[in-house]
Amino acid sequence: MLAVLEAFEQSREPTLSLTEIARHIGLPLSTTHRLLAAWTDWGGLVRGPDGRYRVGLRLWRLGVLAPEPSRLRQVARPFLEDLYEVSRENVHLAVRDGLKALYLERFAGPESVDVVSDVGIELPLHATGVGLVLLAHSPVAVFDELIASGPERLMPGTMTDTDALRSRLAGIRASGMAISINEMSPDTFSAAAPVRNGSNRVVAAVSVVAHAERVIDPNFQLSVRLAARGISRSLGWRS
């Protein structure tokens, strides 16, 4: 049953067919069909008119009950809204989930550059602005695990070399900011900063993802720093 959910998580597609799910979980079509029927009856999945399945609202309602992400989103929302009003680009709030950055919130509009991120999506730590911030402030064991997994070069700008990546993370810790250009999506740049709690632990990251030519605008970095600082203070952090 849980492998069915993993099929959606790993495919990153909004809908999957019976055959696609069966192939992922390695079970016969008949067995998979019974599992999907049980999930659908419970409300965890929805079967569309085309026969394809998508995640149901009941799972979403359960997800938002998780106390830490729910409080973090609530505290961060006013600052993220202000950041969007200033930038008119994609604004993200993310936390680390293993070797991925899990996106808890996103603000975007018609002027925002196209990106693959969205609420509930997980993207590689080494290829995103928020991910690099979270990786820079993670235990050394997380970095070692990432390197052992063989980080993928998703775009020409994606950094995968071990020594170069280690040096970059040290720079992010020193500057308090990650700048990512053409690493996850083409013709984009990201400015990201850490969010800390009352124990001075980095618990999330905030970013703006904009058109690549806007990287020269210093207001992006300042706005992201201020938003991250405001969220941090609301969580009890003091400099």
Protein backbone atom coordinates (compact mmCIF):
# COMPACT_ATOMS: atom_id res chain seq x y z
CA MET A 1 0.00 0.00 0.00
CA LEU A 2 2.81 2.41 0.87
CA ALA A 3 4.64 1.48 -2.33
CA VAL A 4 1.65 2.86 -4.24
CA LEU A 5 2.28 6.26 -2.67
CA GLU A 6 5.99 5.97 -3.42
CA ALA A 7 5.09 5.56 -7.08
CA PHE A 8 3.61 9.07 -7.09
CA GLU A 9 6.44 10.50 -5.00
CA GLN A 10 9.21 9.15 -7.23
CA SER A 11 7.53 9.77 -10.59
CA ARG A 12 6.72 13.43 -9.76
CA GLU A 13 3.79 13.11 -12.17
CA PRO A 14 0.33 14.34 -11.08
CA THR A 15 -1.42 11.25 -12.46
CA LEU A 16 -0.39 7.65 -13.05
CA SER A 17 -2.04 4.76 -14.87
CA LEU A 18 -2.72 1.32 -13.42
CA THR A 19 0.09 -0.13 -15.55
CA GLU A 20 2.59 2.52 -14.44
CA ILE A 21 1.84 1.92 -10.77
CA ALA A 22 1.98 -1.87 -11.15
CA ARG A 23 5.36 -1.57 -12.87
CA HIS A 24 6.70 0.57 -10.02
CA ILE A 25 5.56 -1.69 -7.17
CA GLY A 26 6.34 -4.92 -9.01
CA LEU A 27 2.93 -6.58 -8.59
CA PRO A 28 0.47 -8.06 -11.11
CA LEU A 29 -2.16 -5.76 -12.57
CA SER A 30 -4.98 -7.59 -10.77
CA THR A 31 -3.32 -7.19 -7.35
CA THR A 32 -2.45 -3.57 -8.04
CA HIS A 33 -6.02 -2.88 -9.13
CA ARG A 34 -7.33 -4.19 -5.78
CA LEU A 35 -4.86 -2.01 -3.87
CA LEU A 36 -5.87 1.06 -5.86
CA ALA A 37 -9.54 0.30 -5.27
CA ALA A 38 -8.92 0.19 -1.52
CA TRP A 39 -7.01 3.50 -1.63
CA THR A 40 -9.78 5.09 -3.73
CA ASP A 41 -12.57 3.89 -1.40
CA TRP A 42 -10.68 5.38 1.56
CA GLY A 43 -10.16 8.69 -0.24
CA GLY A 44 -6.39 8.52 -0.57
CA LEU A 45 -6.55 8.34 -4.36
CA VAL A 46 -8.97 9.61 -7.00
CA ARG A 47 -9.59 7.82 -10.31
CA GLY A 48 -10.23 10.22 -13.18
CA PRO A 49 -12.53 9.75 -16.20
CA ASP A 50 -9.47 8.71 -18.23
CA GLY A 51 -8.74 5.88 -15.78
CA ARG A 52 -5.62 7.52 -14.36
CA TYR A 53 -5.09 7.98 -10.63
CA ARG A 54 -4.07 11.04 -8.61
CA VAL A 55 -3.50 11.69 -4.91
CA GLY A 56 -6.74 12.45 -3.06
CA LEU A 57 -7.58 15.27 -0.70
CA ARG A 58 -7.72 13.00 2.33
CA LEU A 59 -3.97 12.43 2.14
CA TRP A 60 -3.43 16.16 1.75
CA ARG A 61 -5.52 16.87 4.86
CA LEU A 62 -3.44 14.38 6.83
CA GLY A 63 -0.23 15.92 5.55
CA VAL A 64 -1.07 19.44 6.65
CA LEU A 65 -1.69 18.17 10.20
CA ALA A 66 2.04 17.57 10.67
CA PRO A 67 2.70 20.16 13.41
CA GLU A 68 6.15 21.52 12.51
CA PRO A 69 5.56 22.16 8.77
CA SER A 70 2.08 23.54 9.50
CA ARG A 71 3.38 26.08 12.03
CA LEU A 72 6.31 26.98 9.79
CA ARG A 73 4.02 27.72 6.85
CA GLN A 74 1.70 29.77 9.04
CA VAL A 75 4.54 31.87 10.46
CA ALA A 76 6.26 32.30 7.10
CA ARG A 77 3.27 33.20 4.96
CA PRO A 78 3.19 37.00 5.61
CA PHE A 79 6.90 37.31 4.87
CA LEU A 80 6.61 35.19 1.73
CA GLU A 81 3.70 37.29 0.51
CA ASP A 82 5.75 40.45 1.00
CA LEU A 83 8.69 38.87 -0.80
CA TYR A 84 6.47 38.02 -3.75
CA GLU A 85 5.05 41.56 -3.89
CA VAL A 86 8.59 42.93 -4.07
CA SER A 87 9.92 40.46 -6.64
CA ARG A 88 6.85 39.32 -8.64
CA GLU A 89 8.79 36.08 -9.14
CA ASN A 90 8.66 32.58 -7.65
CA VAL A 91 8.97 32.59 -3.86
CA HIS A 92 9.70 29.31 -2.06
CA LEU A 93 9.81 27.90 1.44
CA ALA A 94 11.47 24.49 1.77
CA VAL A 95 12.77 22.03 4.37
CA ARG A 96 15.18 19.14 4.07
CA ASP A 97 13.77 15.64 3.68
CA GLY A 98 16.69 13.25 3.40
CA LEU A 99 18.66 14.22 0.29
CA LYS A 100 15.82 16.32 -1.12
CA ALA A 101 14.39 19.77 -0.55
CA LEU A 102 10.67 19.48 0.20
CA TYR A 103 8.72 22.57 -0.89
CA LEU A 104 6.18 23.61 1.74
CA GLU A 105 5.02 26.84 0.09
CA ARG A 106 5.24 28.65 -3.22
CA PHE A 107 4.01 32.02 -4.45
CA ALA A 108 4.04 32.81 -8.16
CA GLY A 109 2.24 34.95 -10.71
CA PRO A 110 1.90 35.50 -14.46
CA GLU A 111 5.23 37.35 -14.60
CA SER A 112 7.15 34.60 -12.78
CA VAL A 113 9.64 32.47 -14.67
CA ASP A 114 8.62 28.84 -15.35
CA VAL A 115 10.02 26.37 -12.80
CA VAL A 116 9.44 22.73 -11.87
CA SER A 117 8.96 23.40 -8.15
CA ASP A 118 5.57 23.36 -6.46
CA VAL A 119 4.06 22.66 -3.05
CA GLY A 120 4.73 19.06 -2.08
CA ILE A 121 7.45 18.56 -4.70
CA GLU A 122 10.88 17.29 -3.67
CA LEU A 123 13.99 18.36 -5.62
CA PRO A 124 17.69 17.48 -5.18
CA LEU A 125 19.58 19.42 -2.52
CA HIS A 126 22.63 20.05 -4.71
CA ALA A 127 20.68 21.55 -7.64
CA THR A 128 18.44 24.17 -6.00
CA GLY A 129 19.05 27.38 -4.07
CA VAL A 130 17.02 26.29 -1.05
CA GLY A 131 18.59 22.85 -1.25
CA LEU A 132 22.12 24.22 -1.19
CA VAL A 133 21.31 26.32 1.89
CA LEU A 134 19.82 23.29 3.66
CA LEU A 135 22.76 21.09 2.65
CA ALA A 136 25.27 23.70 3.83
CA HIS A 137 23.73 23.60 7.31
CA SER A 138 23.20 19.83 7.50
CA PRO A 139 25.40 17.30 9.34
CA VAL A 140 28.52 16.17 7.47
CA ALA A 141 26.97 12.71 7.15
CA VAL A 142 24.27 14.15 4.87
CA PHE A 143 26.92 15.56 2.51
CA ASP A 144 28.77 12.25 2.50
CA GLU A 145 25.56 10.38 1.71
CA LEU A 146 24.79 12.78 -1.13
CA ILE A 147 28.22 12.29 -2.68
CA ALA A 148 27.95 8.51 -2.29
CA SER A 149 24.60 8.57 -4.11
CA GLY A 150 26.22 10.14 -7.18
CA PRO A 151 24.62 13.60 -7.56
CA GLU A 152 23.14 14.08 -11.03
CA ARG A 153 24.06 16.97 -13.32
CA LEU A 154 20.56 18.18 -14.21
CA MET A 155 21.59 21.38 -16.02
CA PRO A 156 24.89 22.80 -17.32
CA GLY A 157 25.29 24.83 -14.13
CA THR A 158 24.63 21.96 -11.69
CA MET A 159 27.69 21.40 -9.51
CA THR A 160 28.54 17.75 -8.77
CA ASP A 161 32.31 17.76 -8.11
CA THR A 162 32.95 16.81 -4.49
CA ASP A 163 35.69 19.34 -3.67
CA ALA A 164 33.99 22.19 -5.52
CA LEU A 165 30.68 21.48 -3.83
CA ARG A 166 32.28 21.28 -0.38
CA SER A 167 33.96 24.65 -0.95
CA ARG A 168 30.72 26.14 -2.19
CA LEU A 169 28.82 25.03 0.90
CA ALA A 170 31.47 26.62 3.12
CA GLY A 171 30.94 29.87 1.20
CA ILE A 172 27.19 29.65 1.73
CA ARG A 173 27.66 29.24 5.48
CA ALA A 174 30.02 32.21 5.56
CA SER A 175 27.87 34.55 3.46
CA GLY A 176 24.43 33.41 4.63
CA MET A 177 23.24 33.24 1.03
CA ALA A 178 23.17 30.76 -1.87
CA ILE A 179 23.12 31.96 -5.47
CA SER A 180 22.22 29.31 -8.04
CA ILE A 181 22.23 29.97 -11.81
CA ASN A 182 20.86 27.51 -14.39
CA GLU A 183 21.18 24.52 -12.07
CA MET A 184 17.60 23.20 -11.89
CA SER A 185 15.68 25.08 -14.60
CA PRO A 186 17.00 26.83 -17.73
CA ASP A 187 17.42 30.62 -17.81
CA THR A 188 16.78 30.99 -14.07
CA PHE A 189 18.66 32.07 -11.00
CA SER A 190 17.87 31.55 -7.34
CA ALA A 191 18.78 33.56 -4.25
CA ALA A 192 18.20 31.61 -1.03
CA ALA A 193 18.78 32.20 2.69
CA PRO A 194 18.43 30.07 5.84
CA VAL A 195 15.59 30.20 8.38
CA ARG A 196 16.57 29.50 11.99
CA ASN A 197 14.56 28.59 15.08
CA GLY A 198 14.97 29.65 18.69
CA SER A 199 17.84 27.18 19.12
CA ASN A 200 19.73 28.79 16.22
CA ARG A 201 19.21 25.63 14.15
CA VAL A 202 18.51 26.01 10.42
CA VAL A 203 15.06 24.50 9.92
CA ALA A 204 14.13 25.81 6.47
CA ALA A 205 15.22 27.97 3.56
CA VAL A 206 13.56 30.81 1.66
CA SER A 207 14.29 31.69 -1.95
CA VAL A 208 13.32 33.76 -4.95
CA VAL A 209 13.69 32.11 -8.36
CA ALA A 210 13.73 34.64 -11.18
CA HIS A 211 14.75 35.14 -14.79
CA ALA A 212 18.51 34.69 -15.12
CA GLU A 213 19.12 38.21 -16.40
CA ARG A 214 17.80 39.62 -13.10
CA VAL A 215 20.69 38.12 -11.11
CA ILE A 216 22.46 41.50 -11.23
CA ASP A 217 19.68 43.13 -9.18
CA PRO A 218 20.99 43.36 -5.57
CA ASN A 219 17.46 43.87 -4.23
CA PHE A 220 16.73 40.16 -4.63
CA GLN A 221 19.42 39.13 -2.18
CA LEU A 222 18.48 41.83 0.32
CA SER A 223 14.77 40.96 0.14
CA VAL A 224 15.42 37.25 0.63
CA ARG A 225 17.70 37.94 3.61
CA LEU A 226 15.07 40.16 5.24
CA ALA A 227 12.29 37.60 4.68
CA ALA A 228 14.39 34.78 6.15
CA ARG A 229 15.37 36.96 9.08
CA GLY A 230 11.74 37.92 9.76
CA ILE A 231 10.58 34.30 9.73
CA SER A 232 13.49 33.32 11.98
CA ARG A 233 12.65 35.99 14.55
CA SER A 234 9.01 34.84 14.52
CA LEU A 235 10.27 31.34 15.35
CA GLY A 236 12.17 32.66 18.35
CA TRP A 237 15.62 33.23 16.84
CA ARG A 238 17.70 36.14 18.13
CA SER A 239 20.98 37.24 16.58
